[in-house]
């Protein structure tokens, strides 16, 4: 497992190796309904500012605009914010994050 999120009614997780996905799906079906989605990617923003400034995590999500996110997770260390989204949206996400965090920092120099 790479990313796990939980809520009151569900558990979501990502797997980087789907060779045993059918067996995993069968095993998990004993606990509730299971939905497998393919064609998704993981993008993470990492940095100490995420830990020290809570607004940084909000800025990561805000930079993505209206792109549909399947999962959002922040590590216990609070040094990274991870999103799961469509593979097709990765180029746009990278462009937006770069513009929000790197071009803005370069402009301030």
PDB file of N, CA and C in Angstrom:
ATOM      1  N   UNK A   1       0.832  -1.178   0.000  1.00  0.00           N
ATOM      2  CA  UNK A   1       0.000   0.000   0.000  1.00  0.00           C
ATOM      3  C   UNK A   1       0.877   1.241   0.000  1.00  0.00           C
ATOM      4  N   UNK A   2       0.438   2.219  -0.739  1.00  0.00           N
ATOM      5  CA  UNK A   2       1.153   3.485  -0.802  1.00  0.00           C
ATOM      6  C   UNK A   2       0.445   4.554   0.024  1.00  0.00           C
ATOM      7  N   UNK A   3      -0.848   4.720  -0.214  1.00  0.00           N
ATOM      8  CA  UNK A   3      -1.624   5.767   0.440  1.00  0.00           C
ATOM      9  C   UNK A   3      -2.875   5.132   1.029  1.00  0.00           C
ATOM     10  N   UNK A   4      -3.231   5.544   2.242  1.00  0.00           N
ATOM     11  CA  UNK A   4      -4.454   5.069   2.890  1.00  0.00           C
ATOM     12  C   UNK A   4      -5.178   6.274   3.465  1.00  0.00           C
ATOM     13  N   UNK A   5      -6.475   6.345   3.230  1.00  0.00           N
ATOM     14  CA  UNK A   5      -7.309   7.355   3.882  1.00  0.00           C
ATOM     15  C   UNK A   5      -8.517   6.640   4.472  1.00  0.00           C
ATOM     16  N   UNK A   6      -9.014   7.176   5.558  1.00  0.00           N
ATOM     17  CA  UNK A   6     -10.193   6.593   6.198  1.00  0.00           C
ATOM     18  C   UNK A   6     -11.200   7.682   6.496  1.00  0.00           C
ATOM     19  N   UNK A   7     -12.443   7.284   6.551  1.00  0.00           N
ATOM     20  CA  UNK A   7     -13.524   8.166   6.985  1.00  0.00           C
ATOM     21  C   UNK A   7     -14.461   7.342   7.853  1.00  0.00           C
ATOM     22  N   UNK A   8     -15.565   7.921   8.231  1.00  0.00           N
ATOM     23  CA  UNK A   8     -16.527   7.213   9.079  1.00  0.00           C
ATOM     24  C   UNK A   8     -17.113   5.994   8.382  1.00  0.00           C
ATOM     25  N   UNK A   9     -17.143   6.023   7.047  1.00  0.00           N
ATOM     26  CA  UNK A   9     -17.837   4.965   6.314  1.00  0.00           C
ATOM     27  C   UNK A   9     -16.985   4.227   5.287  1.00  0.00           C
ATOM     28  N   UNK A  10     -15.725   4.626   5.135  1.00  0.00           N
ATOM     29  CA  UNK A  10     -14.933   3.951   4.100  1.00  0.00           C
ATOM     30  C   UNK A  10     -13.440   3.977   4.416  1.00  0.00           C
ATOM     31  N   UNK A  11     -12.739   3.096   3.728  1.00  0.00           N
ATOM     32  CA  UNK A  11     -11.276   3.054   3.740  1.00  0.00           C
ATOM     33  C   UNK A  11     -10.862   3.026   2.278  1.00  0.00           C
ATOM     34  N   UNK A  12      -9.944   3.914   1.915  1.00  0.00           N
ATOM     35  CA  UNK A  12      -9.418   3.948   0.549  1.00  0.00           C
ATOM     36  C   UNK A  12      -7.928   3.708   0.611  1.00  0.00           C
ATOM     37  N   UNK A  13      -7.421   2.975  -0.383  1.00  0.00           N
ATOM     38  CA  UNK A  13      -5.983   2.724  -0.411  1.00  0.00           C
ATOM     39  C   UNK A  13      -5.519   2.586  -1.841  1.00  0.00           C
ATOM     40  N   UNK A  14      -4.223   2.813  -2.024  1.00  0.00           N
ATOM     41  CA  UNK A  14      -3.623   2.620  -3.340  1.00  0.00           C
ATOM     42  C   UNK A  14      -2.616   1.487  -3.257  1.00  0.00           C
ATOM     43  N   UNK A  15      -2.476   0.780  -4.366  1.00  0.00           N
ATOM     44  CA  UNK A  15      -1.499  -0.305  -4.473  1.00  0.00           C
ATOM     45  C   UNK A  15      -0.624  -0.033  -5.685  1.00  0.00           C
ATOM     46  N   UNK A  16       0.665  -0.251  -5.558  1.00  0.00           N
ATOM     47  CA  UNK A  16       1.544  -0.046  -6.699  1.00  0.00           C
ATOM     48  C   UNK A  16       1.750  -1.327  -7.504  1.00  0.00           C
ATOM     49  N   UNK A  17       1.290  -2.455  -6.990  1.00  0.00           N
ATOM     50  CA  UNK A  17       1.462  -3.742  -7.661  1.00  0.00           C
ATOM     51  C   UNK A  17       0.102  -4.425  -7.695  1.00  0.00           C
ATOM     52  N   UNK A  18      -0.486  -4.527  -8.872  1.00  0.00           N
ATOM     53  CA  UNK A  18      -1.846  -5.084  -8.960  1.00  0.00           C
ATOM     54  C   UNK A  18      -1.877  -6.547  -9.397  1.00  0.00           C
ATOM     55  N   UNK A  19      -0.749  -7.235  -9.289  1.00  0.00           N
ATOM     56  CA  UNK A  19      -0.720  -8.637  -9.723  1.00  0.00           C
ATOM     57  C   UNK A  19      -1.672  -9.516  -8.917  1.00  0.00           C
ATOM     58  N   UNK A  20      -1.955  -9.180  -7.665  1.00  0.00           N
ATOM     59  CA  UNK A  20      -2.849  -9.996  -6.832  1.00  0.00           C
ATOM     60  C   UNK A  20      -4.162  -9.258  -6.532  1.00  0.00           C
ATOM     61  N   UNK A  21      -4.527  -8.298  -7.374  1.00  0.00           N
ATOM     62  CA  UNK A  21      -5.679  -7.448  -7.081  1.00  0.00           C
ATOM     63  C   UNK A  21      -6.976  -8.253  -6.953  1.00  0.00           C
ATOM     64  N   UNK A  22      -7.148  -9.285  -7.757  1.00  0.00           N
ATOM     65  CA  UNK A  22      -8.386 -10.066  -7.669  1.00  0.00           C
ATOM     66  C   UNK A  22      -8.496 -10.754  -6.309  1.00  0.00           C
ATOM     67  N   UNK A  23      -7.404 -11.331  -5.817  1.00  0.00           N
ATOM     68  CA  UNK A  23      -7.421 -11.992  -4.506  1.00  0.00           C
ATOM     69  C   UNK A  23      -7.630 -10.978  -3.387  1.00  0.00           C
ATOM     70  N   UNK A  24      -7.005  -9.835  -3.507  1.00  0.00           N
ATOM     71  CA  UNK A  24      -7.181  -8.778  -2.498  1.00  0.00           C
ATOM     72  C   UNK A  24      -8.631  -8.312  -2.489  1.00  0.00           C
ATOM     73  N   UNK A  25      -9.179  -8.120  -3.668  1.00  0.00           N
ATOM     74  CA  UNK A  25     -10.580  -7.684  -3.787  1.00  0.00           C
ATOM     75  C   UNK A  25     -11.523  -8.714  -3.153  1.00  0.00           C
ATOM     76  N   UNK A  26     -11.298  -9.995  -3.403  1.00  0.00           N
ATOM     77  CA  UNK A  26     -12.134 -11.050  -2.803  1.00  0.00           C
ATOM     78  C   UNK A  26     -12.029 -11.026  -1.277  1.00  0.00           C
ATOM     79  N   UNK A  27     -10.801 -10.907  -0.764  1.00  0.00           N
ATOM     80  CA  UNK A  27     -10.605 -10.890   0.693  1.00  0.00           C
ATOM     81  C   UNK A  27     -11.293  -9.686   1.332  1.00  0.00           C
ATOM     82  N   UNK A  28     -11.162  -8.536   0.727  1.00  0.00           N
ATOM     83  CA  UNK A  28     -11.772  -7.329   1.296  1.00  0.00           C
ATOM     84  C   UNK A  28     -13.290  -7.336   1.185  1.00  0.00           C
ATOM     85  N   UNK A  29     -13.817  -8.035   0.191  1.00  0.00           N
ATOM     86  CA  UNK A  29     -15.271  -8.095   0.004  1.00  0.00           C
ATOM     87  C   UNK A  29     -15.968  -8.727   1.205  1.00  0.00           C
ATOM     88  N   UNK A  30     -15.241  -9.497   2.009  1.00  0.00           N
ATOM     89  CA  UNK A  30     -15.821 -10.061   3.225  1.00  0.00           C
ATOM     90  C   UNK A  30     -16.115  -9.010   4.281  1.00  0.00           C
ATOM     91  N   UNK A  31     -15.555  -7.821   4.127  1.00  0.00           N
ATOM     92  CA  UNK A  31     -15.754  -6.744   5.103  1.00  0.00           C
ATOM     93  C   UNK A  31     -16.720  -5.673   4.624  1.00  0.00           C
ATOM     94  N   UNK A  32     -16.988  -5.609   3.323  1.00  0.00           N
ATOM     95  CA  UNK A  32     -17.874  -4.581   2.780  1.00  0.00           C
ATOM     96  C   UNK A  32     -17.735  -4.529   1.271  1.00  0.00           C
ATOM     97  N   UNK A  33     -18.352  -3.528   0.672  1.00  0.00           N
ATOM     98  CA  UNK A  33     -18.278  -3.409  -0.787  1.00  0.00           C
ATOM     99  C   UNK A  33     -16.891  -2.901  -1.177  1.00  0.00           C
ATOM    100  N   UNK A  34     -16.418  -3.375  -2.312  1.00  0.00           N
ATOM    101  CA  UNK A  34     -15.085  -3.037  -2.799  1.00  0.00           C
ATOM    102  C   UNK A  34     -15.211  -2.494  -4.214  1.00  0.00           C
ATOM    103  N   UNK A  35     -14.518  -1.406  -4.464  1.00  0.00           N
ATOM    104  CA  UNK A  35     -14.481  -0.815  -5.800  1.00  0.00           C
ATOM    105  C   UNK A  35     -13.022  -0.635  -6.191  1.00  0.00           C
ATOM    106  N   UNK A  36     -12.643  -1.146  -7.356  1.00  0.00           N
ATOM    107  CA  UNK A  36     -11.283  -1.010  -7.864  1.00  0.00           C
ATOM    108  C   UNK A  36     -11.306   0.004  -8.992  1.00  0.00           C
ATOM    109  N   UNK A  37     -10.399   0.985  -8.908  1.00  0.00           N
ATOM    110  CA  UNK A  37     -10.275   1.994  -9.955  1.00  0.00           C
ATOM    111  C   UNK A  37      -8.868   1.918 -10.529  1.00  0.00           C
ATOM    112  N   UNK A  38      -8.784   2.046 -11.824  1.00  0.00           N
ATOM    113  CA  UNK A  38      -7.484   2.005 -12.503  1.00  0.00           C
ATOM    114  C   UNK A  38      -7.247   3.347 -13.202  1.00  0.00           C
ATOM    115  N   UNK A  39      -6.035   3.539 -13.684  1.00  0.00           N
ATOM    116  CA  UNK A  39      -5.732   4.760 -14.429  1.00  0.00           C
ATOM    117  C   UNK A  39      -5.554   5.971 -13.539  1.00  0.00           C
ATOM    118  N   UNK A  40      -5.121   5.739 -12.293  1.00  0.00           N
ATOM    119  CA  UNK A  40      -4.932   6.835 -11.349  1.00  0.00           C
ATOM    120  C   UNK A  40      -3.452   7.019 -11.054  1.00  0.00           C
ATOM    121  N   UNK A  41      -3.105   8.202 -10.592  1.00  0.00           N
ATOM    122  CA  UNK A  41      -1.711   8.533 -10.273  1.00  0.00           C
ATOM    123  C   UNK A  41      -1.649   9.166  -8.889  1.00  0.00           C
ATOM    124  N   UNK A  42      -0.464   9.092  -8.290  1.00  0.00           N
ATOM    125  CA  UNK A  42      -0.206   9.708  -6.987  1.00  0.00           C
ATOM    126  C   UNK A  42       0.760  10.868  -7.204  1.00  0.00           C
ATOM    127  N   UNK A  43       0.400  12.035  -6.667  1.00  0.00           N
ATOM    128  CA  UNK A  43       1.288  13.198  -6.699  1.00  0.00           C
ATOM    129  C   UNK A  43       1.414  13.695  -5.270  1.00  0.00           C
ATOM    130  N   UNK A  44       2.646  13.939  -4.830  1.00  0.00           N
ATOM    131  CA  UNK A  44       2.883  14.416  -3.462  1.00  0.00           C
ATOM    132  C   UNK A  44       3.659  15.718  -3.481  1.00  0.00           C
ATOM    133  N   UNK A  45       3.272  16.623  -2.608  1.00  0.00           N
ATOM    134  CA  UNK A  45       4.038  17.843  -2.333  1.00  0.00           C
ATOM    135  C   UNK A  45       4.716  17.616  -0.994  1.00  0.00           C
ATOM    136  N   UNK A  46       6.021  17.839  -0.942  1.00  0.00           N
ATOM    137  CA  UNK A  46       6.803  17.526   0.248  1.00  0.00           C
ATOM    138  C   UNK A  46       7.589  18.760   0.676  1.00  0.00           C
ATOM    139  N   UNK A  47       7.586  19.038   1.986  1.00  0.00           N
ATOM    140  CA  UNK A  47       8.398  20.144   2.486  1.00  0.00           C
ATOM    141  C   UNK A  47       8.115  20.448   3.944  1.00  0.00           C
ATOM    142  N   UNK A  48       9.107  21.008   4.619  1.00  0.00           N
ATOM    143  CA  UNK A  48       8.949  21.355   6.029  1.00  0.00           C
ATOM    144  C   UNK A  48       7.875  22.415   6.261  1.00  0.00           C
ATOM    145  N   UNK A  49       7.634  23.295   5.275  1.00  0.00           N
ATOM    146  CA  UNK A  49       6.597  24.317   5.452  1.00  0.00           C
ATOM    147  C   UNK A  49       5.214  23.703   5.660  1.00  0.00           C
ATOM    148  N   UNK A  50       5.002  22.519   5.118  1.00  0.00           N
ATOM    149  CA  UNK A  50       3.712  21.857   5.306  1.00  0.00           C
ATOM    150  C   UNK A  50       3.487  21.528   6.784  1.00  0.00           C
ATOM    151  N   UNK A  51       4.559  21.264   7.490  1.00  0.00           N
ATOM    152  CA  UNK A  51       4.459  20.943   8.918  1.00  0.00           C
ATOM    153  C   UNK A  51       4.293  22.201   9.761  1.00  0.00           C
ATOM    154  N   UNK A  52       4.998  23.248   9.399  1.00  0.00           N
ATOM    155  CA  UNK A  52       5.017  24.447  10.236  1.00  0.00           C
ATOM    156  C   UNK A  52       3.928  25.457   9.889  1.00  0.00           C
ATOM    157  N   UNK A  53       3.416  25.418   8.670  1.00  0.00           N
ATOM    158  CA  UNK A  53       2.395  26.382   8.238  1.00  0.00           C
ATOM    159  C   UNK A  53       1.194  25.634   7.661  1.00  0.00           C
ATOM    160  N   UNK A  54       0.135  25.477   8.437  1.00  0.00           N
ATOM    161  CA  UNK A  54      -1.040  24.728   7.950  1.00  0.00           C
ATOM    162  C   UNK A  54      -1.620  25.279   6.652  1.00  0.00           C
ATOM    163  N   UNK A  55      -1.429  26.552   6.385  1.00  0.00           N
ATOM    164  CA  UNK A  55      -1.956  27.133   5.152  1.00  0.00           C
ATOM    165  C   UNK A  55      -1.258  26.559   3.917  1.00  0.00           C
ATOM    166  N   UNK A  56      -0.063  26.018   4.078  1.00  0.00           N
ATOM    167  CA  UNK A  56       0.657  25.437   2.936  1.00  0.00           C
ATOM    168  C   UNK A  56      -0.101  24.259   2.347  1.00  0.00           C
ATOM    169  N   UNK A  57      -0.661  23.406   3.200  1.00  0.00           N
ATOM    170  CA  UNK A  57      -1.424  22.259   2.702  1.00  0.00           C
ATOM    171  C   UNK A  57      -2.654  22.730   1.926  1.00  0.00           C
ATOM    172  N   UNK A  58      -3.292  23.755   2.419  1.00  0.00           N
ATOM    173  CA  UNK A  58      -4.451  24.323   1.721  1.00  0.00           C
ATOM    174  C   UNK A  58      -4.013  24.881   0.368  1.00  0.00           C
ATOM    175  N   UNK A  59      -2.833  25.502   0.324  1.00  0.00           N
ATOM    176  CA  UNK A  59      -2.321  26.064  -0.932  1.00  0.00           C
ATOM    177  C   UNK A  59      -2.073  24.982  -1.972  1.00  0.00           C
ATOM    178  N   UNK A  60      -1.625  23.805  -1.537  1.00  0.00           N
ATOM    179  CA  UNK A  60      -1.408  22.697  -2.468  1.00  0.00           C
ATOM    180  C   UNK A  60      -2.719  22.329  -3.131  1.00  0.00           C
ATOM    181  N   UNK A  61      -3.747  22.131  -2.332  1.00  0.00           N
ATOM    182  CA  UNK A  61      -5.055  21.737  -2.872  1.00  0.00           C
ATOM    183  C   UNK A  61      -5.647  22.856  -3.724  1.00  0.00           C
ATOM    184  N   UNK A  62      -5.528  24.098  -3.263  1.00  0.00           N
ATOM    185  CA  UNK A  62      -6.065  25.238  -4.013  1.00  0.00           C
ATOM    186  C   UNK A  62      -5.403  25.371  -5.379  1.00  0.00           C
ATOM    187  N   UNK A  63      -4.114  25.069  -5.468  1.00  0.00           N
ATOM    188  CA  UNK A  63      -3.396  25.177  -6.736  1.00  0.00           C
ATOM    189  C   UNK A  63      -3.952  24.224  -7.787  1.00  0.00           C
ATOM    190  N   UNK A  64      -4.596  23.161  -7.363  1.00  0.00           N
ATOM    191  CA  UNK A  64      -5.130  22.172  -8.301  1.00  0.00           C
ATOM    192  C   UNK A  64      -6.445  22.607  -8.919  1.00  0.00           C
ATOM    193  N   UNK A  65      -7.016  23.689  -8.392  1.00  0.00           N
ATOM    194  CA  UNK A  65      -8.246  24.222  -8.976  1.00  0.00           C
ATOM    195  C   UNK A  65      -9.380  23.219  -8.914  1.00  0.00           C
ATOM    196  N   UNK A  66     -10.043  23.070 -10.030  1.00  0.00           N
ATOM    197  CA  UNK A  66     -11.228  22.210 -10.072  1.00  0.00           C
ATOM    198  C   UNK A  66     -10.923  20.811 -10.630  1.00  0.00           C
ATOM    199  N   UNK A  67      -9.655  20.433 -10.670  1.00  0.00           N
ATOM    200  CA  UNK A  67      -9.335  19.074 -11.108  1.00  0.00           C
ATOM    201  C   UNK A  67      -9.922  18.075 -10.109  1.00  0.00           C
ATOM    202  N   UNK A  68     -10.571  17.035 -10.589  1.00  0.00           N
ATOM    203  CA  UNK A  68     -11.193  16.075  -9.670  1.00  0.00           C
ATOM    204  C   UNK A  68     -10.149  15.210  -8.951  1.00  0.00           C
ATOM    205  N   UNK A  69     -10.224  15.177  -7.646  1.00  0.00           N
ATOM    206  CA  UNK A  69      -9.314  14.386  -6.825  1.00  0.00           C
ATOM    207  C   UNK A  69     -10.046  13.160  -6.308  1.00  0.00           C
ATOM    208  N   UNK A  70      -9.388  12.019  -6.330  1.00  0.00           N
ATOM    209  CA  UNK A  70      -9.988  10.786  -5.813  1.00  0.00           C
ATOM    210  C   UNK A  70      -9.664  10.589  -4.343  1.00  0.00           C
ATOM    211  N   UNK A  71      -8.481  11.033  -3.914  1.00  0.00           N
ATOM    212  CA  UNK A  71      -8.063  10.919  -2.514  1.00  0.00           C
ATOM    213  C   UNK A  71      -7.158  12.091  -2.185  1.00  0.00           C
ATOM    214  N   UNK A  72      -7.190  12.480  -0.909  1.00  0.00           N
ATOM    215  CA  UNK A  72      -6.255  13.464  -0.372  1.00  0.00           C
ATOM    216  C   UNK A  72      -5.782  12.930   0.967  1.00  0.00           C
ATOM    217  N   UNK A  73      -4.477  12.982   1.197  1.00  0.00           N
ATOM    218  CA  UNK A  73      -3.933  12.456   2.439  1.00  0.00           C
ATOM    219  C   UNK A  73      -2.756  13.315   2.876  1.00  0.00           C
ATOM    220  N   UNK A  74      -2.641  13.499   4.185  1.00  0.00           N
ATOM    221  CA  UNK A  74      -1.468  14.171   4.733  1.00  0.00           C
ATOM    222  C   UNK A  74      -0.799  13.198   5.692  1.00  0.00           C
ATOM    223  N   UNK A  75       0.512  13.051   5.558  1.00  0.00           N
ATOM    224  CA  UNK A  75       1.259  12.114   6.387  1.00  0.00           C
ATOM    225  C   UNK A  75       1.218  12.538   7.849  1.00  0.00           C
ATOM    226  N   UNK A  76       1.414  11.578   8.740  1.00  0.00           N
ATOM    227  CA  UNK A  76       1.425  11.867  10.173  1.00  0.00           C
ATOM    228  C   UNK A  76       2.505  12.887  10.522  1.00  0.00           C
ATOM    229  N   UNK A  77       3.602  12.888   9.779  1.00  0.00           N
ATOM    230  CA  UNK A  77       4.685  13.851  10.023  1.00  0.00           C
ATOM    231  C   UNK A  77       4.298  15.249   9.553  1.00  0.00           C
ATOM    232  N   UNK A  78       3.216  15.343   8.777  1.00  0.00           N
ATOM    233  CA  UNK A  78       2.723  16.591   8.199  1.00  0.00           C
ATOM    234  C   UNK A  78       3.751  17.252   7.280  1.00  0.00           C
ATOM    235  N   UNK A  79       4.642  16.461   6.721  1.00  0.00           N
ATOM    236  CA  UNK A  79       5.641  17.004   5.789  1.00  0.00           C
ATOM    237  C   UNK A  79       5.285  16.725   4.329  1.00  0.00           C
ATOM    238  N   UNK A  80       4.155  16.083   4.093  1.00  0.00           N
ATOM    239  CA  UNK A  80       3.731  15.915   2.706  1.00  0.00           C
ATOM    240  C   UNK A  80       2.217  15.861   2.603  1.00  0.00           C
ATOM    241  N   UNK A  81       1.736  16.311   1.459  1.00  0.00           N
ATOM    242  CA  UNK A  81       0.325  16.208   1.093  1.00  0.00           C
ATOM    243  C   UNK A  81       0.290  15.404  -0.191  1.00  0.00           C
ATOM    244  N   UNK A  82      -0.521  14.356  -0.199  1.00  0.00           N
ATOM    245  CA  UNK A  82      -0.601  13.459  -1.340  1.00  0.00           C
ATOM    246  C   UNK A  82      -2.010  13.491  -1.906  1.00  0.00           C
ATOM    247  N   UNK A  83      -2.097  13.547  -3.232  1.00  0.00           N
ATOM    248  CA  UNK A  83      -3.392  13.468  -3.897  1.00  0.00           C
ATOM    249  C   UNK A  83      -3.364  12.315  -4.896  1.00  0.00           C
ATOM    250  N   UNK A  84      -4.501  11.710  -5.082  1.00  0.00           N
ATOM    251  CA  UNK A  84      -4.676  10.668  -6.092  1.00  0.00           C
ATOM    252  C   UNK A  84      -5.683  11.213  -7.094  1.00  0.00           C
ATOM    253  N   UNK A  85      -5.310  11.121  -8.360  1.00  0.00           N
ATOM    254  CA  UNK A  85      -6.140  11.684  -9.424  1.00  0.00           C
ATOM    255  C   UNK A  85      -5.889  10.925 -10.711  1.00  0.00           C
ATOM    256  N   UNK A  86      -6.606  11.286 -11.732  1.00  0.00           N
ATOM    257  CA  UNK A  86      -6.487  10.613 -13.023  1.00  0.00           C
ATOM    258  C   UNK A  86      -5.079  10.778 -13.595  1.00  0.00           C
ATOM    259  N   UNK A  87      -4.558   9.700 -14.182  1.00  0.00           N
ATOM    260  CA  UNK A  87      -3.265   9.774 -14.874  1.00  0.00           C
ATOM    261  C   UNK A  87      -3.243  10.932 -15.871  1.00  0.00           C
ATOM    262  N   UNK A  88      -4.354  11.129 -16.549  1.00  0.00           N
ATOM    263  CA  UNK A  88      -4.426  12.162 -17.582  1.00  0.00           C
ATOM    264  C   UNK A  88      -4.247  13.569 -17.021  1.00  0.00           C
ATOM    265  N   UNK A  89      -4.519  13.771 -15.737  1.00  0.00           N
ATOM    266  CA  UNK A  89      -4.415  15.097 -15.127  1.00  0.00           C
ATOM    267  C   UNK A  89      -3.020  15.421 -14.577  1.00  0.00           C
ATOM    268  N   UNK A  90      -2.110  14.465 -14.583  1.00  0.00           N
ATOM    269  CA  UNK A  90      -0.782  14.687 -13.991  1.00  0.00           C
ATOM    270  C   UNK A  90      -0.038  15.860 -14.633  1.00  0.00           C
ATOM    271  N   UNK A  91       0.019  15.989 -15.960  1.00  0.00           N
ATOM    272  CA  UNK A  91       0.733  17.147 -16.510  1.00  0.00           C
ATOM    273  C   UNK A  91       0.166  18.491 -16.026  1.00  0.00           C
ATOM    274  N   UNK A  92      -1.144  18.600 -15.973  1.00  0.00           N
ATOM    275  CA  UNK A  92      -1.761  19.850 -15.499  1.00  0.00           C
ATOM    276  C   UNK A  92      -1.444  20.091 -14.026  1.00  0.00           C
ATOM    277  N   UNK A  93      -1.474  19.039 -13.231  1.00  0.00           N
ATOM    278  CA  UNK A  93      -1.166  19.168 -11.805  1.00  0.00           C
ATOM    279  C   UNK A  93       0.261  19.647 -11.605  1.00  0.00           C
ATOM    280  N   UNK A  94       1.197  19.039 -12.316  1.00  0.00           N
ATOM    281  CA  UNK A  94       2.592  19.427 -12.159  1.00  0.00           C
ATOM    282  C   UNK A  94       2.808  20.876 -12.577  1.00  0.00           C
ATOM    283  N   UNK A  95       2.169  21.284 -13.663  1.00  0.00           N
ATOM    284  CA  UNK A  95       2.279  22.670 -14.120  1.00  0.00           C
ATOM    285  C   UNK A  95       1.710  23.629 -13.081  1.00  0.00           C
ATOM    286  N   UNK A  96       0.566  23.302 -12.534  1.00  0.00           N
ATOM    287  CA  UNK A  96      -0.074  24.181 -11.545  1.00  0.00           C
ATOM    288  C   UNK A  96       0.723  24.254 -10.249  1.00  0.00           C
ATOM    289  N   UNK A  97       1.213  23.129  -9.770  1.00  0.00           N
ATOM    290  CA  UNK A  97       2.011  23.143  -8.537  1.00  0.00           C
ATOM    291  C   UNK A  97       3.310  23.911  -8.737  1.00  0.00           C
ATOM    292  N   UNK A  98       3.944  23.714  -9.880  1.00  0.00           N
ATOM    293  CA  UNK A  98       5.177  24.441 -10.163  1.00  0.00           C
ATOM    294  C   UNK A  98       4.905  25.948 -10.202  1.00  0.00           C
ATOM    295  N   UNK A  99       3.841  26.337 -10.866  1.00  0.00           N
ATOM    296  CA  UNK A  99       3.508  27.763 -10.946  1.00  0.00           C
ATOM    297  C   UNK A  99       3.205  28.337  -9.564  1.00  0.00           C
ATOM    298  N   UNK A 100       2.477  27.590  -8.763  1.00  0.00           N
ATOM    299  CA  UNK A 100       2.072  28.095  -7.449  1.00  0.00           C
ATOM    300  C   UNK A 100       3.228  28.200  -6.472  1.00  0.00           C
ATOM    301  N   UNK A 101       4.167  27.279  -6.537  1.00  0.00           N
ATOM    302  CA  UNK A 101       5.207  27.238  -5.508  1.00  0.00           C
ATOM    303  C   UNK A 101       6.582  27.683  -5.982  1.00  0.00           C
ATOM    304  N   UNK A 102       6.943  27.413  -7.219  1.00  0.00           N
ATOM    305  CA  UNK A 102       8.294  27.737  -7.671  1.00  0.00           C
ATOM    306  C   UNK A 102       8.361  29.042  -8.426  1.00  0.00           C
ATOM    307  N   UNK A 103       7.429  29.268  -9.348  1.00  0.00           N
ATOM    308  CA  UNK A 103       7.451  30.535 -10.087  1.00  0.00           C
ATOM    309  C   UNK A 103       7.160  31.698  -9.150  1.00  0.00           C
ATOM    310  N   UNK A 104       6.273  31.486  -8.180  1.00  0.00           N
ATOM    311  CA  UNK A 104       5.957  32.541  -7.214  1.00  0.00           C
ATOM    312  C   UNK A 104       7.190  32.857  -6.372  1.00  0.00           C
ATOM    313  N   UNK A 105       7.928  31.823  -5.963  1.00  0.00           N
ATOM    314  CA  UNK A 105       9.138  32.029  -5.159  1.00  0.00           C
ATOM    315  C   UNK A 105      10.206  32.738  -5.986  1.00  0.00           C
ATOM    316  N   UNK A 106      10.323  32.373  -7.273  1.00  0.00           N
ATOM    317  CA  UNK A 106      11.322  33.021  -8.131  1.00  0.00           C
ATOM    318  C   UNK A 106      10.969  34.484  -8.349  1.00  0.00           C
ATOM    319  N   UNK A 107       9.685  34.789  -8.458  1.00  0.00           N
ATOM    320  CA  UNK A 107       9.250  36.170  -8.670  1.00  0.00           C
ATOM    321  C   UNK A 107       9.553  37.032  -7.448  1.00  0.00           C
ATOM    322  N   UNK A 108       9.559  36.423  -6.272  1.00  0.00           N
ATOM    323  CA  UNK A 108       9.811  37.154  -5.038  1.00  0.00           C
ATOM    324  C   UNK A 108      11.277  37.443  -4.783  1.00  0.00           C
ATOM    325  N   UNK A 109      12.159  36.878  -5.588  1.00  0.00           N
ATOM    326  CA  UNK A 109      13.601  37.097  -5.400  1.00  0.00           C
ATOM    327  C   UNK A 109      14.034  38.434  -5.911  1.00  0.00           C
TER     328      UNK A 109
END
